[in-house]
């Protein structure tokens, strides 16, 4: 008769291997962590306490704590208290640290005090990938994603939020006052006095809250971007595509190699938009890859004439769609894309076949632009579909040929946007899944950048293991 698989009797004496080495297989990723950290010059990249103090209680080597953190993030154990527990019960951690068991404060202080060096460690691994020839970087995809901060929406204030809350609270006071008048008129005795005292107490608490909000409203005048976050002062309200799904957090940026899906470079900012991030991310990726020319693809949120020109001047070919800012298409009218530009004649051809000629040059928002129009619009049969003014005027940026070239590349290869989406959105989704619902655990932008660097580092380690295997990576790490 078949039975169950039975476990070993807990009282049975067992002979475990004498060496920790015997517990760690040749293909175990902890060997990659160990060798990678051992090959880094920790003092050169800025880690503290790389030389032991001459007096006082001996401390832990920075390499031990760095290995512990990389292992923790690789296995979704980012908490310092959880890492303290793992050091005392996890055989892989015991092998990695030599059975050392730092306390949680020592672990947390290491991450807090060595943020810039940890971020350079992440860059060191990307350099390793480039050096061994896995990361060629002919084209990168650039994107941003919003990550939650340790700051509830109710602890983030803007002028509009404060005005709305004060109005709501004042309406509550008004409602309480009417209720007190009703009770005073219709009831008597102890019940009447008790109800009025209760409502008075509620009204006083609401007035105190209104005074607090008014104080915050005054403090907002000194806030450069009109926001105050109480829990994490650097976090900001972030809008998302879904209606009503905004939250308080940070905007993580990444440039991802389209061939290997390795994260070439990354950053964390607290601006809610991406318009000024195209050239910084593309230039940093180009510097990391060490190439003379590079292509970059991004979504329409990155569209900016200045950023496109800056990339072009640095030898970076950018491709991204131009957002349609005009509402004419929804109104059934022609948009600028319906007007064909003739570079030889320096003129536009309108849908009616008329020529819009150059008129004058001006400056808008710091950009030099040219104006084009024709004087026959008043007699045009399709004027109602074109403009409500006397003339339909077309504005052209002096470097708009760069935008035209981007549009031509997209029309020749429409799969570029699909390539961008499948390349750069996957790492963000993977990292968010590792983080869980809370996303960032640390506060302030500098510390959040450290936390993101650890997530990017372990993502790239896992990606390299998937590409070349543990043994291949171990063979590549020594310089």
Protein backbone atom coordinates (compact mmCIF):
# COMPACT_ATOMS: atom_id res chain seq x y z
CA UNK A 1 0.00 0.00 0.00
CA UNK A 2 1.44 3.36 -1.06
CA UNK A 3 2.15 5.89 1.64
CA UNK A 4 3.49 9.40 1.98
CA UNK A 5 7.09 10.53 1.59
CA UNK A 6 8.38 10.66 5.12
CA UNK A 7 10.90 13.15 6.49
CA UNK A 8 13.89 12.44 8.70
CA UNK A 9 13.37 11.92 12.40
CA UNK A 10 14.32 15.11 14.23
CA UNK A 11 16.20 13.08 16.81
CA UNK A 12 18.36 11.37 14.20
CA UNK A 13 22.05 12.30 14.36
CA UNK A 14 23.20 13.70 10.98
CA UNK A 15 26.73 14.29 9.69
CA UNK A 16 26.78 17.62 7.81
CA UNK A 17 29.77 18.53 5.62
CA UNK A 18 32.65 20.03 7.59
CA UNK A 19 33.22 22.86 5.09
CA UNK A 20 30.83 25.63 4.05
CA UNK A 21 32.42 25.31 0.60
CA UNK A 22 30.73 21.93 0.18
CA UNK A 23 27.30 23.55 0.51
CA UNK A 24 27.78 26.00 -2.38
CA UNK A 25 27.55 24.62 -5.91
CA UNK A 26 29.81 25.72 -8.74
CA UNK A 27 26.86 27.43 -10.48
CA UNK A 28 25.60 29.29 -7.42
CA UNK A 29 25.22 33.05 -8.10
CA UNK A 30 26.79 33.89 -4.71
CA UNK A 31 30.14 32.97 -6.28
CA UNK A 32 29.60 35.81 -8.77
CA UNK A 33 28.91 38.26 -5.92
CA UNK A 34 31.99 37.11 -4.02
CA UNK A 35 34.40 37.34 -6.95
CA UNK A 36 32.97 40.60 -8.31
CA UNK A 37 33.32 42.42 -4.96
CA UNK A 38 36.80 40.97 -4.37
CA UNK A 39 37.95 42.36 -7.74
CA UNK A 40 36.78 45.91 -6.93
CA UNK A 41 39.16 48.45 -5.43
CA UNK A 42 36.74 49.65 -2.75
CA UNK A 43 38.98 52.49 -1.60
CA UNK A 44 39.29 53.84 -5.15
CA UNK A 45 35.54 54.07 -5.70
CA UNK A 46 34.97 55.76 -2.36
CA UNK A 47 33.92 53.23 0.28
CA UNK A 48 34.65 54.28 3.83
CA UNK A 49 36.61 52.30 6.45
CA UNK A 50 38.68 50.45 3.84
CA UNK A 51 41.63 50.79 6.25
CA UNK A 52 40.95 49.53 9.80
CA UNK A 53 41.12 52.07 12.59
CA UNK A 54 44.21 51.93 14.81
CA UNK A 55 42.13 52.12 18.00
CA UNK A 56 38.70 51.07 19.16
CA UNK A 57 36.66 47.96 18.51
CA UNK A 58 37.45 46.32 15.13
CA UNK A 59 34.81 46.89 12.46
CA UNK A 60 33.60 44.82 9.55
CA UNK A 61 35.31 44.94 6.17
CA UNK A 62 33.30 47.03 3.68
CA UNK A 63 33.50 44.10 1.23
CA UNK A 64 31.58 41.87 3.69
CA UNK A 65 28.72 44.35 4.04
CA UNK A 66 28.64 45.08 0.31
CA UNK A 67 28.39 41.37 -0.47
CA UNK A 68 25.61 41.06 2.08
CA UNK A 69 23.59 43.85 0.47
CA UNK A 70 24.07 42.58 -3.08
CA UNK A 71 22.96 39.12 -1.94
CA UNK A 72 19.96 40.63 -0.15
CA UNK A 73 18.73 42.60 -3.15
CA UNK A 74 19.43 39.64 -5.45
CA UNK A 75 17.12 37.51 -3.30
CA UNK A 76 14.52 40.20 -2.48
CA UNK A 77 15.70 40.71 1.10
CA UNK A 78 16.50 44.45 1.15
CA UNK A 79 15.69 45.05 4.83
CA UNK A 80 18.66 45.41 7.20
CA UNK A 81 16.79 43.53 9.92
CA UNK A 82 15.97 40.70 7.53
CA UNK A 83 19.62 40.56 6.43
CA UNK A 84 20.65 40.33 10.09
CA UNK A 85 18.43 37.24 10.42
CA UNK A 86 19.71 35.73 7.17
CA UNK A 87 23.32 36.07 8.36
CA UNK A 88 22.54 33.73 11.24
CA UNK A 89 20.56 31.06 9.42
CA UNK A 90 21.29 31.17 5.66
CA UNK A 91 24.14 28.90 4.54
CA UNK A 92 24.76 30.97 1.39
CA UNK A 93 25.15 34.14 3.48
CA UNK A 94 27.41 32.30 5.92
CA UNK A 95 29.63 31.23 3.01
CA UNK A 96 29.62 34.73 1.58
CA UNK A 97 30.48 36.55 4.82
CA UNK A 98 32.60 33.89 6.53
CA UNK A 99 29.90 33.31 9.16
CA UNK A 100 29.95 36.93 10.27
CA UNK A 101 26.62 38.24 11.58
CA UNK A 102 26.55 42.07 11.69
CA UNK A 103 23.69 43.69 13.57
CA UNK A 104 20.97 45.48 11.62
CA UNK A 105 22.17 48.99 12.53
CA UNK A 106 25.66 48.28 11.22
CA UNK A 107 24.12 46.95 8.01
CA UNK A 108 21.78 49.93 7.59
CA UNK A 109 24.51 52.49 8.37
CA UNK A 110 26.74 50.98 5.68
CA UNK A 111 24.08 51.54 3.01
CA UNK A 112 23.31 55.04 4.29
CA UNK A 113 26.96 56.18 4.51
CA UNK A 114 28.26 54.71 1.23
CA UNK A 115 25.62 55.78 -1.29
CA UNK A 116 27.94 57.30 -3.94
CA UNK A 117 30.32 54.32 -3.74
CA UNK A 118 27.45 51.85 -4.10
CA UNK A 119 26.28 53.73 -7.20
CA UNK A 120 29.82 53.51 -8.62
CA UNK A 121 29.78 49.77 -7.92
CA UNK A 122 26.73 49.50 -10.17
CA UNK A 123 28.64 51.41 -12.88
CA UNK A 124 31.63 49.07 -12.40
CA UNK A 125 29.49 46.06 -13.31
CA UNK A 126 28.25 47.79 -16.47
CA UNK A 127 31.88 48.49 -17.38
CA UNK A 128 32.61 44.78 -16.86
CA UNK A 129 29.81 43.87 -19.27
CA UNK A 130 31.22 46.27 -21.86
CA UNK A 131 34.79 45.07 -21.35
CA UNK A 132 33.95 41.42 -21.95
CA UNK A 133 32.14 42.30 -25.18
CA UNK A 134 28.58 41.42 -24.15
CA UNK A 135 27.45 45.05 -24.11
CA UNK A 136 28.04 46.70 -27.48
CA UNK A 137 25.43 49.43 -27.15
CA UNK A 138 24.65 50.35 -30.76
CA UNK A 139 21.18 51.46 -29.67
CA UNK A 140 19.62 52.21 -26.29
CA UNK A 141 16.00 52.68 -25.28
CA UNK A 142 15.29 55.45 -22.79
CA UNK A 143 12.27 55.64 -20.53
CA UNK A 144 11.11 56.74 -17.11
CA UNK A 145 8.83 55.10 -14.58
CA UNK A 146 7.20 56.38 -11.39
CA UNK A 147 8.12 54.61 -8.14
CA UNK A 148 6.33 55.09 -4.82
CA UNK A 149 8.11 56.83 -1.96
CA UNK A 150 7.71 56.40 1.79
CA UNK A 151 5.15 59.22 1.78
CA UNK A 152 1.38 58.83 1.79
CA UNK A 153 -0.69 61.03 -0.51
CA UNK A 154 -2.29 62.61 2.56
CA UNK A 155 1.16 63.80 3.67
CA UNK A 156 1.82 65.63 0.40
CA UNK A 157 0.45 69.14 -0.04
CA UNK A 158 -0.04 71.53 -2.93
CA UNK A 159 -1.97 74.80 -3.03
CA UNK A 160 -4.91 73.09 -4.69
CA UNK A 161 -4.99 70.20 -2.21
CA UNK A 162 -4.91 72.56 0.76
CA UNK A 163 -7.69 74.75 -0.64
CA UNK A 164 -9.84 71.68 -1.27
CA UNK A 165 -9.28 70.27 2.23
CA UNK A 166 -9.96 73.61 3.93
CA UNK A 167 -13.21 73.99 1.98
CA UNK A 168 -14.24 70.48 3.01
CA UNK A 169 -13.41 71.15 6.67
CA UNK A 170 -15.24 74.49 6.69
CA UNK A 171 -18.31 72.75 5.28
CA UNK A 172 -18.08 70.25 8.16
CA UNK A 173 -17.98 73.07 10.72
CA UNK A 174 -20.99 74.67 9.10
CA UNK A 175 -22.85 71.36 9.30
CA UNK A 176 -21.96 70.97 12.99
CA UNK A 177 -23.13 74.50 13.79
CA UNK A 178 -26.50 73.84 12.15
CA UNK A 179 -26.82 70.61 14.10
CA UNK A 180 -26.04 72.42 17.37
CA UNK A 181 -28.75 75.02 16.64
CA UNK A 182 -31.23 72.24 15.96
CA UNK A 183 -30.32 70.38 19.18
CA UNK A 184 -30.52 73.59 21.22
CA UNK A 185 -34.01 74.29 19.86
CA UNK A 186 -35.50 70.80 20.02
CA UNK A 187 -33.82 69.05 22.98
CA UNK A 188 -33.17 69.79 26.65
CA UNK A 189 -31.56 68.33 29.71
CA UNK A 190 -28.26 66.45 30.06
CA UNK A 191 -28.55 64.80 26.63
CA UNK A 192 -28.75 68.25 25.00
CA UNK A 193 -25.65 69.55 26.83
CA UNK A 194 -23.66 66.38 26.09
CA UNK A 195 -24.43 66.48 22.35
CA UNK A 196 -23.57 70.16 22.06
CA UNK A 197 -20.29 69.63 23.96
CA UNK A 198 -19.40 66.74 21.63
CA UNK A 199 -20.09 68.80 18.51
CA UNK A 200 -18.16 71.76 19.94
CA UNK A 201 -15.17 69.50 20.58
CA UNK A 202 -15.29 68.20 16.99
CA UNK A 203 -15.52 71.74 15.63
CA UNK A 204 -12.50 72.82 17.69
CA UNK A 205 -10.43 69.92 16.33
CA UNK A 206 -11.40 70.86 12.79
CA UNK A 207 -10.44 74.51 13.40
CA UNK A 208 -7.04 73.36 14.64
CA UNK A 209 -6.60 71.32 11.46
CA UNK A 210 -7.57 74.34 9.36
CA UNK A 211 -4.93 76.42 11.17
CA UNK A 212 -2.33 73.71 10.49
CA UNK A 213 -3.25 73.66 6.80
CA UNK A 214 -3.08 77.45 6.61
CA UNK A 215 0.42 77.27 8.09
CA UNK A 216 1.41 74.75 5.43
CA UNK A 217 -0.09 77.05 2.80
CA UNK A 218 2.25 79.81 3.97
CA UNK A 219 5.21 77.42 3.86
CA UNK A 220 4.31 76.54 0.26
CA UNK A 221 5.27 80.06 -0.81
CA UNK A 222 8.92 79.17 -0.19
CA UNK A 223 8.69 75.77 -1.93
CA UNK A 224 10.30 76.09 -5.39
CA UNK A 225 7.89 73.67 -7.09
CA UNK A 226 4.81 74.36 -4.98
CA UNK A 227 4.83 71.05 -3.11
CA UNK A 228 5.55 69.93 0.45
CA UNK A 229 5.96 66.29 1.49
CA UNK A 230 6.09 65.70 5.23
CA UNK A 231 7.45 62.13 5.49
CA UNK A 232 10.00 62.23 2.67
CA UNK A 233 10.67 65.91 1.87
CA UNK A 234 12.26 65.12 -1.50
CA UNK A 235 9.35 63.04 -2.84
CA UNK A 236 6.83 64.64 -5.16
CA UNK A 237 3.32 63.98 -6.41
CA UNK A 238 3.55 61.91 -9.59
CA UNK A 239 0.79 61.74 -12.18
CA UNK A 240 0.23 58.45 -14.01
CA UNK A 241 -1.71 57.59 -17.16
CA UNK A 242 -4.65 56.05 -15.28
CA UNK A 243 -7.14 58.60 -13.95
CA UNK A 244 -7.03 58.99 -10.16
CA UNK A 245 -4.02 56.70 -9.77
CA UNK A 246 -1.40 59.33 -8.93
CA UNK A 247 0.89 58.84 -5.95
CA UNK A 248 3.80 60.47 -4.17
CA UNK A 249 7.16 59.15 -5.32
CA UNK A 250 10.12 59.52 -7.65
CA UNK A 251 10.75 59.32 -11.37
CA UNK A 252 13.32 56.61 -12.20
CA UNK A 253 15.14 56.97 -15.54
CA UNK A 254 16.93 54.20 -17.42
CA UNK A 255 18.80 53.68 -20.69
CA UNK A 256 18.63 50.01 -21.69
CA UNK A 257 20.63 48.27 -24.41
CA UNK A 258 18.16 47.02 -27.05
CA UNK A 259 20.20 43.89 -27.83
CA UNK A 260 21.04 42.51 -24.38
CA UNK A 261 18.42 44.36 -22.26
CA UNK A 262 21.15 45.35 -19.82
CA UNK A 263 20.62 48.68 -18.03
CA UNK A 264 23.46 50.87 -19.31
CA UNK A 265 22.82 53.82 -17.01
CA UNK A 266 20.06 55.04 -14.73
CA UNK A 267 19.07 57.92 -12.48
CA UNK A 268 16.31 58.92 -10.07
CA UNK A 269 14.78 62.40 -10.15
CA UNK A 270 11.80 63.99 -8.44
CA UNK A 271 10.44 65.84 -11.47
CA UNK A 272 7.14 64.43 -12.66
CA UNK A 273 7.96 64.73 -16.38
CA UNK A 274 10.70 63.47 -18.73
CA UNK A 275 11.10 66.47 -21.05
CA UNK A 276 14.59 67.45 -19.84
CA UNK A 277 16.01 63.94 -19.47
CA UNK A 278 16.70 62.85 -23.07
CA UNK A 279 20.17 64.34 -23.55
CA UNK A 280 21.43 63.68 -19.98
CA UNK A 281 20.49 59.98 -20.19
CA UNK A 282 21.67 59.55 -23.79
CA UNK A 283 25.00 61.32 -23.20
CA UNK A 284 25.66 59.33 -20.03
CA UNK A 285 24.89 56.08 -21.86
CA UNK A 286 27.23 57.07 -24.69
CA UNK A 287 30.01 57.87 -22.20
CA UNK A 288 29.52 54.55 -20.40
CA UNK A 289 29.62 52.62 -23.67
CA UNK A 290 32.67 54.53 -24.90
CA UNK A 291 31.37 54.80 -28.47
CA UNK A 292 31.67 57.68 -30.94
CA UNK A 293 28.11 57.39 -32.28
CA UNK A 294 24.96 55.90 -30.84
CA UNK A 295 21.23 55.63 -31.49
CA UNK A 296 18.58 56.23 -28.86
CA UNK A 297 14.82 55.66 -28.93
CA UNK A 298 12.34 57.15 -26.48
CA UNK A 299 8.63 57.90 -26.18
CA UNK A 300 6.91 61.21 -26.91
CA UNK A 301 7.22 62.35 -23.27
CA UNK A 302 10.90 63.09 -24.01
CA UNK A 303 10.21 65.35 -26.99
CA UNK A 304 12.09 68.63 -26.65
CA UNK A 305 13.82 70.61 -29.38
CA UNK A 306 16.71 71.56 -27.12
CA UNK A 307 17.25 67.96 -26.00
CA UNK A 308 17.12 66.59 -29.56
CA UNK A 309 19.65 69.20 -30.74
CA UNK A 310 21.95 68.50 -27.77
CA UNK A 311 21.95 64.79 -28.63
CA UNK A 312 22.61 65.52 -32.32
CA UNK A 313 25.59 67.72 -31.46
CA UNK A 314 27.01 64.88 -29.34
CA UNK A 315 26.75 62.31 -32.15
CA UNK A 316 23.55 60.65 -30.85
CA UNK A 317 20.77 59.87 -33.31
CA UNK A 318 17.48 60.11 -31.44
CA UNK A 319 14.16 58.69 -32.60
CA UNK A 320 10.90 59.52 -30.85
CA UNK A 321 7.41 60.53 -31.95
CA UNK A 322 6.36 64.15 -31.83
CA UNK A 323 3.38 64.73 -29.51
CA UNK A 324 0.37 66.43 -31.05
CA UNK A 325 -0.18 69.50 -28.89
CA UNK A 326 -2.79 71.13 -31.13
CA UNK A 327 -6.47 70.30 -30.70
CA UNK A 328 -7.25 70.93 -34.38
CA UNK A 329 -7.43 67.26 -35.35
CA UNK A 330 -10.21 66.60 -32.83
CA UNK A 331 -12.06 69.60 -34.23
CA UNK A 332 -11.81 68.19 -37.76
CA UNK A 333 -9.24 70.73 -38.89
CA UNK A 334 -5.86 70.29 -40.58
CA UNK A 335 -2.76 69.99 -38.41
CA UNK A 336 0.82 70.97 -39.18
CA UNK A 337 1.64 67.47 -40.45
CA UNK A 338 -0.81 68.08 -43.32
CA UNK A 339 1.42 70.87 -44.63
CA UNK A 340 4.36 69.56 -46.71
CA UNK A 341 7.68 71.39 -46.43
CA UNK A 342 9.80 71.98 -49.53
CA UNK A 343 13.39 72.43 -48.36
CA UNK A 344 14.65 73.69 -51.74
CA UNK A 345 12.05 76.43 -51.94
CA UNK A 346 11.94 77.00 -48.16
CA UNK A 347 8.15 76.99 -48.29
CA UNK A 348 5.15 74.92 -47.19
CA UNK A 349 2.45 73.46 -49.43
CA UNK A 350 -1.01 73.49 -47.82
CA UNK A 351 -3.76 70.86 -48.40
CA UNK A 352 -5.39 73.22 -50.90
CA UNK A 353 -2.19 73.35 -52.97
CA UNK A 354 -1.24 76.93 -52.05
CA UNK A 355 2.34 77.94 -51.12
CA UNK A 356 3.10 79.35 -47.69
CA UNK A 357 6.27 81.43 -48.02
CA UNK A 358 8.80 82.52 -45.41
CA UNK A 359 7.92 85.84 -43.75
CA UNK A 360 10.16 86.53 -40.77
CA UNK A 361 12.29 85.02 -37.97
CA UNK A 362 11.46 85.31 -34.27
CA UNK A 363 12.21 83.63 -30.94
CA UNK A 364 9.82 81.54 -28.87
CA UNK A 365 10.79 79.92 -25.58
CA UNK A 366 14.46 80.44 -26.33
CA UNK A 367 14.22 78.74 -29.76
CA UNK A 368 14.69 80.51 -33.10
CA UNK A 369 11.66 79.89 -35.32
CA UNK A 370 10.57 80.91 -38.81
CA UNK A 371 7.04 82.02 -39.81
CA UNK A 372 5.27 81.04 -43.03
CA UNK A 373 1.87 82.01 -44.48
CA UNK A 374 -0.02 83.00 -47.62
CA UNK A 375 -2.50 85.82 -48.27
CA UNK A 376 -5.07 83.77 -50.22
CA UNK A 377 -6.66 82.05 -47.22
CA UNK A 378 -9.70 84.38 -47.24
CA UNK A 379 -10.86 83.05 -50.63
CA UNK A 380 -9.95 79.39 -49.99
CA UNK A 381 -12.86 76.94 -50.27
CA UNK A 382 -11.59 74.74 -47.41
CA UNK A 383 -10.64 77.57 -45.05
CA UNK A 384 -13.18 76.36 -42.45
CA UNK A 385 -11.22 73.11 -42.14
CA UNK A 386 -7.94 74.97 -41.74
CA UNK A 387 -8.23 78.07 -39.53
CA UNK A 388 -10.67 80.49 -37.94
CA UNK A 389 -8.25 83.41 -38.39
CA UNK A 390 -7.40 85.49 -41.43
CA UNK A 391 -4.42 83.29 -42.29
CA UNK A 392 -3.10 79.88 -41.37
CA UNK A 393 0.41 80.54 -40.10
CA UNK A 394 3.00 77.76 -39.83
CA UNK A 395 5.94 77.96 -37.41
CA UNK A 396 9.17 76.09 -38.18
CA UNK A 397 12.08 75.64 -35.75
CA UNK A 398 15.49 76.44 -37.27
CA UNK A 399 16.61 72.83 -36.60
CA UNK A 400 13.32 71.18 -37.53
CA UNK A 401 15.09 69.05 -40.12
CA UNK A 402 16.14 66.90 -37.15
CA UNK A 403 12.46 66.36 -36.31
CA UNK A 404 11.69 65.62 -39.98
CA UNK A 405 14.48 63.03 -40.05
CA UNK A 406 13.03 61.39 -36.93
CA UNK A 407 9.60 61.22 -38.53
CA UNK A 408 11.11 59.63 -41.64
CA UNK A 409 12.93 57.00 -39.55
CA UNK A 410 9.71 56.13 -37.76
CA UNK A 411 7.78 55.84 -41.02
CA UNK A 412 10.49 53.56 -42.50
CA UNK A 413 10.72 51.42 -39.35
CA UNK A 414 7.50 51.63 -37.28
CA UNK A 415 8.70 48.67 -35.17
CA UNK A 416 11.15 51.00 -33.39
CA UNK A 417 8.52 52.06 -30.84
CA UNK A 418 7.64 48.43 -30.19
CA UNK A 419 11.34 47.71 -29.70
CA UNK A 420 11.56 50.57 -27.21
CA UNK A 421 8.55 49.34 -25.24
CA UNK A 422 9.67 45.71 -25.10
CA UNK A 423 13.22 46.73 -24.15
CA UNK A 424 12.97 49.35 -21.45
CA UNK A 425 9.61 48.67 -19.81
CA UNK A 426 10.52 45.09 -18.92
CA UNK A 427 13.36 46.03 -16.50
CA UNK A 428 11.11 48.53 -14.72
CA UNK A 429 8.35 45.95 -14.35
CA UNK A 430 10.82 43.35 -13.07
CA UNK A 431 12.36 45.70 -10.51
CA UNK A 432 8.94 46.83 -9.27
CA UNK A 433 7.91 43.20 -8.83
CA UNK A 434 11.05 42.65 -6.71
CA UNK A 435 10.32 45.75 -4.64
CA UNK A 436 6.74 44.82 -3.85
CA UNK A 437 3.89 47.24 -3.26
CA UNK A 438 5.91 49.74 -1.22
CA UNK A 439 8.68 50.30 -3.83
CA UNK A 440 11.32 52.51 -2.17
CA UNK A 441 12.04 51.96 1.53
CA UNK A 442 14.51 54.78 2.14
CA UNK A 443 13.85 58.51 2.39
CA UNK A 444 15.48 61.48 0.65
CA UNK A 445 16.64 61.54 -2.96
CA UNK A 446 20.28 60.64 -2.26
CA UNK A 447 19.33 57.47 -0.37
CA UNK A 448 16.65 56.54 -2.90
CA UNK A 449 19.32 56.71 -5.62
CA UNK A 450 21.44 54.29 -3.60
CA UNK A 451 18.51 51.91 -3.28
CA UNK A 452 17.82 52.08 -7.01
CA UNK A 453 21.49 51.45 -7.80
CA UNK A 454 21.39 48.19 -5.83
CA UNK A 455 18.27 47.06 -7.69
CA UNK A 456 19.85 47.92 -11.06
CA UNK A 457 23.08 46.14 -10.10
CA UNK A 458 21.34 42.88 -9.22
CA UNK A 459 19.10 43.15 -12.30
CA UNK A 460 22.21 43.37 -14.49
CA UNK A 461 23.86 40.48 -12.61
CA UNK A 462 20.82 38.27 -13.21
CA UNK A 463 20.68 39.35 -16.83
CA UNK A 464 24.36 38.54 -17.38
CA UNK A 465 23.90 35.13 -15.76
CA UNK A 466 21.02 34.50 -18.17
CA UNK A 467 23.23 35.54 -21.11
CA UNK A 468 26.56 33.83 -20.32
CA UNK A 469 25.87 31.65 -17.27
CA UNK A 470 27.49 31.71 -13.83
CA UNK A 471 30.69 30.00 -14.98
CA UNK A 472 31.03 32.27 -17.99
CA UNK A 473 30.62 35.33 -15.79
CA UNK A 474 33.11 34.01 -13.25
CA UNK A 475 35.65 33.53 -16.05
CA UNK A 476 35.04 37.09 -17.31
CA UNK A 477 35.26 38.98 -14.00
CA UNK A 478 39.03 38.86 -13.30
CA UNK A 479 40.73 41.76 -15.08
